[in-house]
Amino acid sequence: MHLEIRGAEKLSFREKQAVVLKETGCSNEEIARRMGINAATVATLLNRARSKGYEVVIVIPTTLGLFGGENDEEA
């Protein structure tokens, strides 16, 4: 499984960093710590990114057996 960010080309480098960290489960405070900025700046980056219309898609390989059929790998 992996995340795909559609519309990422519209985002600045820092917006991409914040989005990736947020979409992988980090809180704004954790993002701020990891990026070396304050939480208010993280909120601003995420708001700007949202306004640019990115979309996160979760890609799940069919080989995980989520559907219980023999043809999972062929889907």
N, C-alpha and C. Protein backbone atom coordinates (compact mmCIF):
# COMPACT_ATOMS: atom_id res chain seq x y z
N MET A 1 0.84 -1.17 0.00
CA MET A 1 0.00 0.00 0.00
C MET A 1 0.89 1.24 0.00
N HIS A 2 0.51 2.24 -0.77
CA HIS A 2 1.22 3.50 -0.73
C HIS A 2 0.26 4.65 -1.02
N LEU A 3 0.69 5.85 -0.66
CA LEU A 3 -0.10 7.04 -0.91
C LEU A 3 0.36 7.70 -2.19
N GLU A 4 -0.58 8.21 -2.93
CA GLU A 4 -0.28 8.98 -4.13
C GLU A 4 -0.92 10.35 -3.93
N ILE A 5 -0.15 11.41 -4.13
CA ILE A 5 -0.68 12.76 -4.00
C ILE A 5 -0.89 13.31 -5.40
N ARG A 6 -2.14 13.42 -5.79
CA ARG A 6 -2.46 13.98 -7.09
C ARG A 6 -2.55 15.49 -6.97
N GLY A 7 -1.98 16.18 -7.93
CA GLY A 7 -1.94 17.64 -7.88
C GLY A 7 -0.75 18.17 -7.10
N ALA A 8 0.19 17.30 -6.77
CA ALA A 8 1.36 17.71 -5.98
C ALA A 8 2.21 18.74 -6.71
N GLU A 9 2.13 18.74 -8.04
CA GLU A 9 2.92 19.71 -8.80
C GLU A 9 2.50 21.16 -8.53
N LYS A 10 1.30 21.33 -7.97
CA LYS A 10 0.80 22.67 -7.64
C LYS A 10 1.35 23.17 -6.29
N LEU A 11 1.90 22.26 -5.50
CA LEU A 11 2.33 22.59 -4.14
C LEU A 11 3.79 23.01 -4.09
N SER A 12 4.09 23.91 -3.16
CA SER A 12 5.49 24.26 -2.91
C SER A 12 6.17 23.08 -2.21
N PHE A 13 7.50 23.13 -2.17
CA PHE A 13 8.25 22.07 -1.50
C PHE A 13 7.81 21.92 -0.05
N ARG A 14 7.69 23.02 0.69
CA ARG A 14 7.31 22.97 2.11
C ARG A 14 5.88 22.48 2.28
N GLU A 15 4.98 22.88 1.38
CA GLU A 15 3.60 22.38 1.43
C GLU A 15 3.59 20.87 1.23
N LYS A 16 4.37 20.37 0.28
CA LYS A 16 4.45 18.92 0.05
C LYS A 16 4.95 18.20 1.30
N GLN A 17 5.99 18.75 1.93
CA GLN A 17 6.51 18.14 3.14
C GLN A 17 5.41 18.03 4.20
N ALA A 18 4.71 19.13 4.44
CA ALA A 18 3.66 19.16 5.47
C ALA A 18 2.54 18.19 5.13
N VAL A 19 2.13 18.17 3.86
CA VAL A 19 1.05 17.27 3.43
C VAL A 19 1.43 15.82 3.63
N VAL A 20 2.63 15.45 3.21
CA VAL A 20 3.06 14.05 3.36
C VAL A 20 3.07 13.64 4.82
N LEU A 21 3.62 14.49 5.68
CA LEU A 21 3.65 14.17 7.11
C LEU A 21 2.24 14.08 7.69
N LYS A 22 1.36 15.00 7.30
CA LYS A 22 -0.02 14.99 7.81
C LYS A 22 -0.76 13.74 7.34
N GLU A 23 -0.61 13.41 6.07
CA GLU A 23 -1.33 12.26 5.51
C GLU A 23 -0.78 10.92 5.99
N THR A 24 0.40 10.92 6.57
CA THR A 24 0.93 9.68 7.15
C THR A 24 0.69 9.62 8.66
N GLY A 25 -0.13 10.56 9.17
CA GLY A 25 -0.59 10.45 10.54
C GLY A 25 0.04 11.37 11.57
N CYS A 26 0.90 12.27 11.16
CA CYS A 26 1.55 13.18 12.13
C CYS A 26 0.60 14.31 12.52
N SER A 27 0.68 14.71 13.77
CA SER A 27 -0.07 15.88 14.23
C SER A 27 0.64 17.14 13.76
N ASN A 28 -0.06 18.27 13.83
CA ASN A 28 0.57 19.53 13.45
C ASN A 28 1.80 19.82 14.31
N GLU A 29 1.73 19.47 15.57
CA GLU A 29 2.85 19.69 16.48
C GLU A 29 4.06 18.84 16.09
N GLU A 30 3.79 17.59 15.72
CA GLU A 30 4.87 16.70 15.27
C GLU A 30 5.48 17.20 13.96
N ILE A 31 4.62 17.64 13.05
CA ILE A 31 5.10 18.19 11.78
C ILE A 31 5.99 19.40 12.05
N ALA A 32 5.54 20.28 12.93
CA ALA A 32 6.30 21.49 13.27
C ALA A 32 7.68 21.11 13.81
N ARG A 33 7.71 20.15 14.71
CA ARG A 33 8.98 19.72 15.29
C ARG A 33 9.91 19.16 14.22
N ARG A 34 9.36 18.30 13.38
CA ARG A 34 10.19 17.65 12.35
C ARG A 34 10.67 18.62 11.28
N MET A 35 9.86 19.65 10.98
CA MET A 35 10.24 20.61 9.96
C MET A 35 11.00 21.81 10.53
N GLY A 36 11.04 21.92 11.85
CA GLY A 36 11.74 23.03 12.48
C GLY A 36 11.02 24.37 12.35
N ILE A 37 9.68 24.31 12.37
CA ILE A 37 8.85 25.51 12.28
C ILE A 37 7.80 25.45 13.37
N ASN A 38 6.98 26.50 13.52
CA ASN A 38 5.96 26.45 14.56
C ASN A 38 4.65 25.89 14.01
N ALA A 39 3.77 25.48 14.92
CA ALA A 39 2.52 24.82 14.53
C ALA A 39 1.61 25.74 13.72
N ALA A 40 1.65 27.04 13.97
CA ALA A 40 0.85 27.98 13.19
C ALA A 40 1.29 28.00 11.73
N THR A 41 2.59 27.89 11.51
CA THR A 41 3.11 27.85 10.14
C THR A 41 2.68 26.56 9.45
N VAL A 42 2.66 25.46 10.20
CA VAL A 42 2.19 24.19 9.64
C VAL A 42 0.74 24.34 9.19
N ALA A 43 -0.09 24.93 10.04
CA ALA A 43 -1.50 25.13 9.70
C ALA A 43 -1.64 25.98 8.43
N THR A 44 -0.81 27.00 8.31
CA THR A 44 -0.83 27.85 7.11
C THR A 44 -0.44 27.05 5.87
N LEU A 45 0.62 26.25 5.98
CA LEU A 45 1.06 25.43 4.85
C LEU A 45 -0.03 24.45 4.42
N LEU A 46 -0.67 23.81 5.38
CA LEU A 46 -1.72 22.84 5.06
C LEU A 46 -2.94 23.53 4.46
N ASN A 47 -3.30 24.70 4.96
CA ASN A 47 -4.43 25.45 4.39
C ASN A 47 -4.14 25.88 2.96
N ARG A 48 -2.92 26.36 2.71
CA ARG A 48 -2.54 26.74 1.34
C ARG A 48 -2.58 25.54 0.41
N ALA A 49 -2.08 24.40 0.90
CA ALA A 49 -2.08 23.18 0.09
C ALA A 49 -3.52 22.76 -0.24
N ARG A 50 -4.40 22.81 0.75
CA ARG A 50 -5.81 22.44 0.52
C ARG A 50 -6.44 23.35 -0.52
N SER A 51 -6.12 24.64 -0.45
CA SER A 51 -6.72 25.60 -1.39
C SER A 51 -6.25 25.36 -2.82
N LYS A 52 -5.13 24.68 -2.98
CA LYS A 52 -4.61 24.37 -4.32
C LYS A 52 -5.21 23.08 -4.87
N GLY A 53 -5.98 22.37 -4.06
CA GLY A 53 -6.75 21.24 -4.54
C GLY A 53 -6.01 19.93 -4.76
N TYR A 54 -5.05 19.60 -3.91
CA TYR A 54 -4.41 18.29 -4.04
C TYR A 54 -5.38 17.21 -3.59
N GLU A 55 -5.10 15.98 -3.97
CA GLU A 55 -5.93 14.84 -3.59
C GLU A 55 -5.02 13.68 -3.22
N VAL A 56 -5.29 13.05 -2.10
CA VAL A 56 -4.51 11.89 -1.67
C VAL A 56 -5.29 10.62 -1.99
N VAL A 57 -4.61 9.70 -2.66
CA VAL A 57 -5.21 8.44 -3.05
C VAL A 57 -4.39 7.32 -2.41
N ILE A 58 -5.07 6.37 -1.79
CA ILE A 58 -4.39 5.21 -1.22
C ILE A 58 -4.43 4.11 -2.27
N VAL A 59 -3.27 3.62 -2.65
CA VAL A 59 -3.17 2.54 -3.63
C VAL A 59 -2.91 1.26 -2.85
N ILE A 60 -3.84 0.32 -2.96
CA ILE A 60 -3.74 -0.94 -2.23
C ILE A 60 -3.57 -2.07 -3.25
N PRO A 61 -2.44 -2.78 -3.19
CA PRO A 61 -2.26 -3.89 -4.12
C PRO A 61 -3.27 -5.00 -3.84
N THR A 62 -3.75 -5.61 -4.88
CA THR A 62 -4.75 -6.67 -4.70
C THR A 62 -4.14 -7.92 -4.08
N THR A 63 -2.82 -8.02 -4.03
CA THR A 63 -2.17 -9.20 -3.46
C THR A 63 -2.31 -9.26 -1.94
N LEU A 64 -2.94 -8.26 -1.34
CA LEU A 64 -3.13 -8.30 0.11
C LEU A 64 -4.22 -9.27 0.53
N GLY A 65 -4.98 -9.77 -0.41
CA GLY A 65 -6.02 -10.74 -0.10
C GLY A 65 -7.21 -10.13 0.63
N LEU A 66 -7.50 -8.88 0.37
CA LEU A 66 -8.59 -8.20 1.07
C LEU A 66 -9.96 -8.72 0.66
N PHE A 67 -10.06 -9.32 -0.51
CA PHE A 67 -11.36 -9.72 -1.00
C PHE A 67 -11.59 -11.22 -0.94
N GLY A 68 -10.59 -11.96 -0.51
CA GLY A 68 -10.76 -13.38 -0.21
C GLY A 68 -10.89 -14.30 -1.40
N GLY A 69 -10.75 -13.80 -2.61
CA GLY A 69 -10.90 -14.66 -3.78
C GLY A 69 -9.56 -15.09 -4.34
N GLU A 70 -9.62 -16.12 -5.18
CA GLU A 70 -8.41 -16.63 -5.81
C GLU A 70 -7.87 -15.64 -6.84
N ASN A 71 -8.74 -14.78 -7.37
CA ASN A 71 -8.34 -13.87 -8.44
C ASN A 71 -7.86 -12.52 -7.93
N ASP A 72 -7.58 -12.39 -6.66
CA ASP A 72 -7.12 -11.12 -6.09
C ASP A 72 -5.91 -10.56 -6.83
N GLU A 73 -4.99 -11.43 -7.20
CA GLU A 73 -3.78 -10.97 -7.85
C GLU A 73 -4.02 -10.51 -9.27
N GLU A 74 -5.12 -10.93 -9.88
CA GLU A 74 -5.41 -10.54 -11.25
C GLU A 74 -6.18 -9.24 -11.34
N ALA A 75 -6.79 -8.80 -10.27
CA ALA A 75 -7.64 -7.61 -10.29
C ALA A 75 -6.85 -6.35 -10.52
